[in-house]
Every structure is written in structure tokens, then in C-alpha cells.
Amino acid sequence: MPSRPNLFAAAFLRNGTGWTGAEVDLTEAEIADDVGDAVQEALGLTGDELAVLCVEVEDEWFAIVRYDGEADPRVFLSDAQAGLTDSLGELFAELAGVAVDKETPDLGIRPAGDFELLADFGLSAEELLELSMEEGMLPADTLSVVAERLSFGDELDRLR
């Protein structure tokens, strides 16, 4: 299995007054449920809350996972080919419902997953795609813009 790169992961819990964030340890994550368990542990979730997980891996890719109560997690992955570079990328590709194409690895950046997962917060699918594919934007930069749009930018900055 490919190696585990440098990563930053933080989850944000929506409460009545805004958002609260916590860093999430994904070093032991091997299956999709491990990611959800790590978010639940970091935020102390009880089951019916709305939480957003932001993951950035070096300058390669990012993922956003939305946990909404008991519903299945909704996942946006900035590059469907993330699974070729590391085991965490493989895990997020699986969560996003993407089959990693090992035969034709250089197809350029191809976002995958649920493009609408933040639409009800005012971040449309088109804007999310545009942000994720903007030339010169690093994953950290894109997640900062997303966090600002959702009003947890200060929490993200605090955790970085």
C-alpha cells in the first residue's frame, strides 16, 4: 500500500452560535468507518449533529466530508486520482465512490464525489469545482476559502 503523506485534518461542528473545530487524527484510519469514528471522537458527537471534516494532504489534494446525523457521509474529493499516491487518498476515493484508475493515472485533476454537499451553505457545485481546479491554488488555500464561506475560517486558522 502506498505511504502515508503529511496531512492536516480538522472537523467542525455546527452549533447554535456558529462552529467549533477540533483537529482529527487520521493516522490510524484504514477503512471508511475509521474516519467517521475519528471525527466523532474529536468533536464528541452524539449522533444528530452536523459536522464537516476538512482534509488536506501536502500540496496534492483535499477532501471535504459532511456528516449529517445518521445519514451516510457526503464526500467531495478534489482529485479522483488521490488514491494513486497514498493510502489515505485511496480511502477518501472509496468514500467518494471513485474507482481509482491505475491504468491511465495522468488524466489531470478530476474532482469527484458529491459536488452539492455544501450548496445549502451557499457554496454551489460550480463554485466548489471552480475553487478546486483553480490554477495555482493549493489544497490549504482552497479549504481556507471554503471555511470562510461557511463561517468557520477563524476556527480553521486556529487549528492550523
C-alpha atoms as a PDB file:
ATOM      1  CA  MET A   1       0.000   0.000   0.000  1.00  0.00           C
ATOM      2  CA  PRO A   2       1.333   3.489  -0.770  1.00  0.00           C
ATOM      3  CA  SER A   3       2.820   5.502   2.076  1.00  0.00           C
ATOM      4  CA  ARG A   4       1.027   7.987   4.320  1.00  0.00           C
ATOM      5  CA  PRO A   5       1.987  11.610   3.487  1.00  0.00           C
ATOM      6  CA  ASN A   6       1.888  14.764   5.595  1.00  0.00           C
ATOM      7  CA  LEU A   7      -1.683  15.684   6.267  1.00  0.00           C
ATOM      8  CA  PHE A   8      -3.871  18.059   8.189  1.00  0.00           C
ATOM      9  CA  ALA A   9      -7.400  17.144   9.172  1.00  0.00           C
ATOM     10  CA  ALA A  10      -9.886  19.150  11.183  1.00  0.00           C
ATOM     11  CA  ALA A  11     -13.578  18.727  11.804  1.00  0.00           C
ATOM     12  CA  PHE A  12     -16.095  21.450  12.543  1.00  0.00           C
ATOM     13  CA  LEU A  13     -19.318  21.055  14.487  1.00  0.00           C
ATOM     14  CA  ARG A  14     -22.193  23.370  13.752  1.00  0.00           C
ATOM     15  CA  ASN A  15     -23.923  24.604  16.874  1.00  0.00           C
ATOM     16  CA  GLY A  16     -26.473  27.312  17.603  1.00  0.00           C
ATOM     17  CA  THR A  17     -23.957  30.161  17.567  1.00  0.00           C
ATOM     18  CA  GLY A  18     -21.565  29.059  14.828  1.00  0.00           C
ATOM     19  CA  TRP A  19     -18.892  26.392  14.526  1.00  0.00           C
ATOM     20  CA  THR A  20     -16.465  24.677  16.892  1.00  0.00           C
ATOM     21  CA  GLY A  21     -13.424  22.906  15.487  1.00  0.00           C
ATOM     22  CA  ALA A  22     -11.010  20.189  16.528  1.00  0.00           C
ATOM     23  CA  GLU A  23      -8.034  18.575  14.865  1.00  0.00           C
ATOM     24  CA  VAL A  24      -8.713  14.991  13.784  1.00  0.00           C
ATOM     25  CA  ASP A  25      -6.100  12.235  13.906  1.00  0.00           C
ATOM     26  CA  LEU A  26      -6.421  10.080  10.795  1.00  0.00           C
ATOM     27  CA  THR A  27      -3.078   8.280  11.133  1.00  0.00           C
ATOM     28  CA  GLU A  28      -4.802   5.033  12.127  1.00  0.00           C
ATOM     29  CA  ALA A  29      -7.648   5.259   9.591  1.00  0.00           C
ATOM     30  CA  GLU A  30      -7.776   2.138   7.460  1.00  0.00           C
ATOM     31  CA  ILE A  31     -11.458   1.945   6.491  1.00  0.00           C
ATOM     32  CA  ALA A  32     -14.237   4.493   5.939  1.00  0.00           C
ATOM     33  CA  ASP A  33     -15.754   3.895   9.379  1.00  0.00           C
ATOM     34  CA  ASP A  34     -12.410   4.807  10.984  1.00  0.00           C
ATOM     35  CA  VAL A  35     -12.712   8.316   9.522  1.00  0.00           C
ATOM     36  CA  GLY A  36     -16.203   8.783  10.951  1.00  0.00           C
ATOM     37  CA  ASP A  37     -15.094   7.382  14.309  1.00  0.00           C
ATOM     38  CA  ALA A  38     -12.148   9.811  14.430  1.00  0.00           C
ATOM     39  CA  VAL A  39     -14.467  12.761  13.709  1.00  0.00           C
ATOM     40  CA  GLN A  40     -16.944  11.574  16.325  1.00  0.00           C
ATOM     41  CA  GLU A  41     -14.179  11.226  18.906  1.00  0.00           C
ATOM     42  CA  ALA A  42     -12.554  14.591  18.115  1.00  0.00           C
ATOM     43  CA  LEU A  43     -15.827  16.515  18.338  1.00  0.00           C
ATOM     44  CA  GLY A  44     -17.644  14.407  20.928  1.00  0.00           C
ATOM     45  CA  LEU A  45     -20.592  13.833  18.595  1.00  0.00           C
ATOM     46  CA  THR A  46     -23.731  12.210  19.952  1.00  0.00           C
ATOM     47  CA  GLY A  47     -25.304  11.302  16.631  1.00  0.00           C
ATOM     48  CA  ASP A  48     -27.621  14.021  15.345  1.00  0.00           C
ATOM     49  CA  GLU A  49     -25.219  16.919  14.754  1.00  0.00           C
ATOM     50  CA  LEU A  50     -23.923  18.441  11.543  1.00  0.00           C
ATOM     51  CA  ALA A  51     -20.153  18.221  11.169  1.00  0.00           C
ATOM     52  CA  VAL A  52     -17.759  18.990   8.322  1.00  0.00           C
ATOM     53  CA  LEU A  53     -14.346  17.327   8.028  1.00  0.00           C
ATOM     54  CA  CYS A  54     -11.636  19.088   6.017  1.00  0.00           C
ATOM     55  CA  VAL A  55      -8.560  17.107   4.998  1.00  0.00           C
ATOM     56  CA  GLU A  56      -5.557  18.421   3.109  1.00  0.00           C
ATOM     57  CA  VAL A  57      -2.655  16.275   2.006  1.00  0.00           C
ATOM     58  CA  GLU A  58       0.544  18.179   1.342  1.00  0.00           C
ATOM     59  CA  ASP A  59       0.079  20.143  -1.869  1.00  0.00           C
ATOM     60  CA  GLU A  60      -1.636  17.224  -3.591  1.00  0.00           C
ATOM     61  CA  TRP A  61      -5.354  17.009  -2.810  1.00  0.00           C
ATOM     62  CA  PHE A  62      -8.092  17.778  -0.315  1.00  0.00           C
ATOM     63  CA  ALA A  63     -11.336  16.223   0.806  1.00  0.00           C
ATOM     64  CA  ILE A  64     -14.448  17.581   2.472  1.00  0.00           C
ATOM     65  CA  VAL A  65     -16.758  15.175   4.276  1.00  0.00           C
ATOM     66  CA  ARG A  66     -20.155  16.188   5.582  1.00  0.00           C
ATOM     67  CA  TYR A  67     -21.671  14.214   8.440  1.00  0.00           C
ATOM     68  CA  ASP A  68     -25.329  14.994   8.997  1.00  0.00           C
ATOM     69  CA  GLY A  69     -26.815  12.979  11.829  1.00  0.00           C
ATOM     70  CA  GLU A  70     -27.355   9.339  10.921  1.00  0.00           C
ATOM     71  CA  ALA A  71     -27.250   9.940   7.139  1.00  0.00           C
ATOM     72  CA  ASP A  72     -24.391   8.483   5.112  1.00  0.00           C
ATOM     73  CA  PRO A  73     -21.427  10.853   4.896  1.00  0.00           C
ATOM     74  CA  ARG A  74     -21.265  13.034   1.796  1.00  0.00           C
ATOM     75  CA  VAL A  75     -17.786  13.400   0.308  1.00  0.00           C
ATOM     76  CA  PHE A  76     -16.089  15.771  -2.121  1.00  0.00           C
ATOM     77  CA  LEU A  77     -12.588  14.823  -3.271  1.00  0.00           C
ATOM     78  CA  SER A  78     -10.537  17.403  -5.150  1.00  0.00           C
ATOM     79  CA  ASP A  79      -8.815  14.790  -7.312  1.00  0.00           C
ATOM     80  CA  ALA A  80     -10.156  11.342  -8.134  1.00  0.00           C
ATOM     81  CA  GLN A  81      -6.568  10.175  -8.623  1.00  0.00           C
ATOM     82  CA  ALA A  82      -5.634  10.844  -4.960  1.00  0.00           C
ATOM     83  CA  GLY A  83      -5.803   7.104  -4.375  1.00  0.00           C
ATOM     84  CA  LEU A  84      -2.754   6.558  -6.551  1.00  0.00           C
ATOM     85  CA  THR A  85      -0.433   8.496  -4.265  1.00  0.00           C
ATOM     86  CA  ASP A  86      -1.241   7.322  -0.744  1.00  0.00           C
ATOM     87  CA  SER A  87      -3.412   5.022   1.336  1.00  0.00           C
ATOM     88  CA  LEU A  88      -5.452   7.892   2.779  1.00  0.00           C
ATOM     89  CA  GLY A  89      -6.201   9.049  -0.760  1.00  0.00           C
ATOM     90  CA  GLU A  90      -7.395   5.519  -1.516  1.00  0.00           C
ATOM     91  CA  LEU A  91      -9.692   5.668   1.497  1.00  0.00           C
ATOM     92  CA  PHE A  92     -11.196   9.028   0.503  1.00  0.00           C
ATOM     93  CA  ALA A  93     -11.580   7.906  -3.116  1.00  0.00           C
ATOM     94  CA  GLU A  94     -13.555   4.935  -1.795  1.00  0.00           C
ATOM     95  CA  LEU A  95     -15.665   7.228   0.416  1.00  0.00           C
ATOM     96  CA  ALA A  96     -16.369   9.419  -2.626  1.00  0.00           C
ATOM     97  CA  GLY A  97     -17.409   6.375  -4.652  1.00  0.00           C
ATOM     98  CA  VAL A  98     -14.484   6.607  -7.046  1.00  0.00           C
ATOM     99  CA  ALA A  99     -12.688   3.677  -8.612  1.00  0.00           C
ATOM    100  CA  VAL A 100      -9.020   4.642  -8.836  1.00  0.00           C
ATOM    101  CA  ASP A 101      -7.810   4.309 -12.420  1.00  0.00           C
ATOM    102  CA  LYS A 102      -4.336   2.822 -12.173  1.00  0.00           C
ATOM    103  CA  GLU A 103      -4.111   2.221 -15.922  1.00  0.00           C
ATOM    104  CA  THR A 104      -4.288   5.868 -17.024  1.00  0.00           C
ATOM    105  CA  PRO A 105      -3.001   7.771 -13.996  1.00  0.00           C
ATOM    106  CA  ASP A 106      -2.279  11.142 -15.608  1.00  0.00           C
ATOM    107  CA  LEU A 107      -5.695  12.464 -16.540  1.00  0.00           C
ATOM    108  CA  GLY A 108      -5.184  15.796 -14.834  1.00  0.00           C
ATOM    109  CA  ILE A 109      -7.157  16.953 -11.830  1.00  0.00           C
ATOM    110  CA  ARG A 110     -10.629  15.450 -11.747  1.00  0.00           C
ATOM    111  CA  PRO A 111     -12.784  16.316  -8.753  1.00  0.00           C
ATOM    112  CA  ALA A 112     -15.153  13.569  -7.643  1.00  0.00           C
ATOM    113  CA  GLY A 113     -17.897  12.778  -5.194  1.00  0.00           C
ATOM    114  CA  ASP A 114     -20.808  14.939  -4.051  1.00  0.00           C
ATOM    115  CA  PHE A 115     -20.389  18.388  -5.580  1.00  0.00           C
ATOM    116  CA  GLU A 116     -23.559  19.653  -3.868  1.00  0.00           C
ATOM    117  CA  LEU A 117     -22.596  18.796  -0.277  1.00  0.00           C
ATOM    118  CA  LEU A 118     -22.223  22.473   0.705  1.00  0.00           C
ATOM    119  CA  ALA A 119     -24.877  24.008  -1.553  1.00  0.00           C
ATOM    120  CA  ASP A 120     -27.248  24.670   1.356  1.00  0.00           C
ATOM    121  CA  PHE A 121     -24.480  26.814   2.897  1.00  0.00           C
ATOM    122  CA  GLY A 122     -24.307  28.959  -0.231  1.00  0.00           C
ATOM    123  CA  LEU A 123     -21.355  27.212  -1.880  1.00  0.00           C
ATOM    124  CA  SER A 124     -22.701  25.853  -5.168  1.00  0.00           C
ATOM    125  CA  ALA A 125     -21.344  22.824  -7.003  1.00  0.00           C
ATOM    126  CA  GLU A 126     -19.987  25.127  -9.721  1.00  0.00           C
ATOM    127  CA  GLU A 127     -18.107  27.275  -7.199  1.00  0.00           C
ATOM    128  CA  LEU A 128     -16.676  24.237  -5.404  1.00  0.00           C
ATOM    129  CA  LEU A 129     -15.459  22.796  -8.704  1.00  0.00           C
ATOM    130  CA  GLU A 130     -14.027  26.136  -9.772  1.00  0.00           C
ATOM    131  CA  LEU A 131     -12.169  26.528  -6.465  1.00  0.00           C
ATOM    132  CA  SER A 132     -10.777  23.006  -6.564  1.00  0.00           C
ATOM    133  CA  MET A 133      -9.478  23.381 -10.109  1.00  0.00           C
ATOM    134  CA  GLU A 134      -8.181  26.945  -9.940  1.00  0.00           C
ATOM    135  CA  GLU A 135      -4.622  27.086 -11.190  1.00  0.00           C
ATOM    136  CA  GLY A 136      -2.076  27.939  -8.513  1.00  0.00           C
ATOM    137  CA  MET A 137      -4.462  27.235  -5.611  1.00  0.00           C
ATOM    138  CA  LEU A 138      -3.079  24.781  -3.085  1.00  0.00           C
ATOM    139  CA  PRO A 139      -5.419  22.496  -1.119  1.00  0.00           C
ATOM    140  CA  ALA A 140      -4.836  24.590   2.021  1.00  0.00           C
ATOM    141  CA  ASP A 141      -5.820  27.762   0.143  1.00  0.00           C
ATOM    142  CA  THR A 142      -8.989  26.189  -1.229  1.00  0.00           C
ATOM    143  CA  LEU A 143     -10.046  24.861   2.170  1.00  0.00           C
ATOM    144  CA  SER A 144      -9.436  28.315   3.671  1.00  0.00           C
ATOM    145  CA  VAL A 145     -11.825  29.849   1.124  1.00  0.00           C
ATOM    146  CA  VAL A 146     -14.418  27.127   1.797  1.00  0.00           C
ATOM    147  CA  ALA A 147     -14.060  27.628   5.568  1.00  0.00           C
ATOM    148  CA  GLU A 148     -14.516  31.400   5.208  1.00  0.00           C
ATOM    149  CA  ARG A 149     -17.633  30.883   3.092  1.00  0.00           C
ATOM    150  CA  LEU A 150     -19.104  28.533   5.724  1.00  0.00           C
ATOM    151  CA  SER A 151     -18.060  30.893   8.571  1.00  0.00           C
ATOM    152  CA  PHE A 152     -15.502  28.660  10.282  1.00  0.00           C
ATOM    153  CA  GLY A 153     -12.381  30.247   8.779  1.00  0.00           C
ATOM    154  CA  ASP A 154     -11.171  31.543  12.161  1.00  0.00           C
ATOM    155  CA  GLU A 155     -11.545  28.075  13.686  1.00  0.00           C
ATOM    156  CA  LEU A 156      -9.596  26.523  10.789  1.00  0.00           C
ATOM    157  CA  ASP A 157      -6.810  29.097  11.174  1.00  0.00           C
ATOM    158  CA  ARG A 158      -6.679  28.461  14.926  1.00  0.00           C
ATOM    159  CA  LEU A 159      -6.192  24.729  14.400  1.00  0.00           C
ATOM    160  CA  ARG A 160      -3.543  25.044  11.702  1.00  0.00           C
END
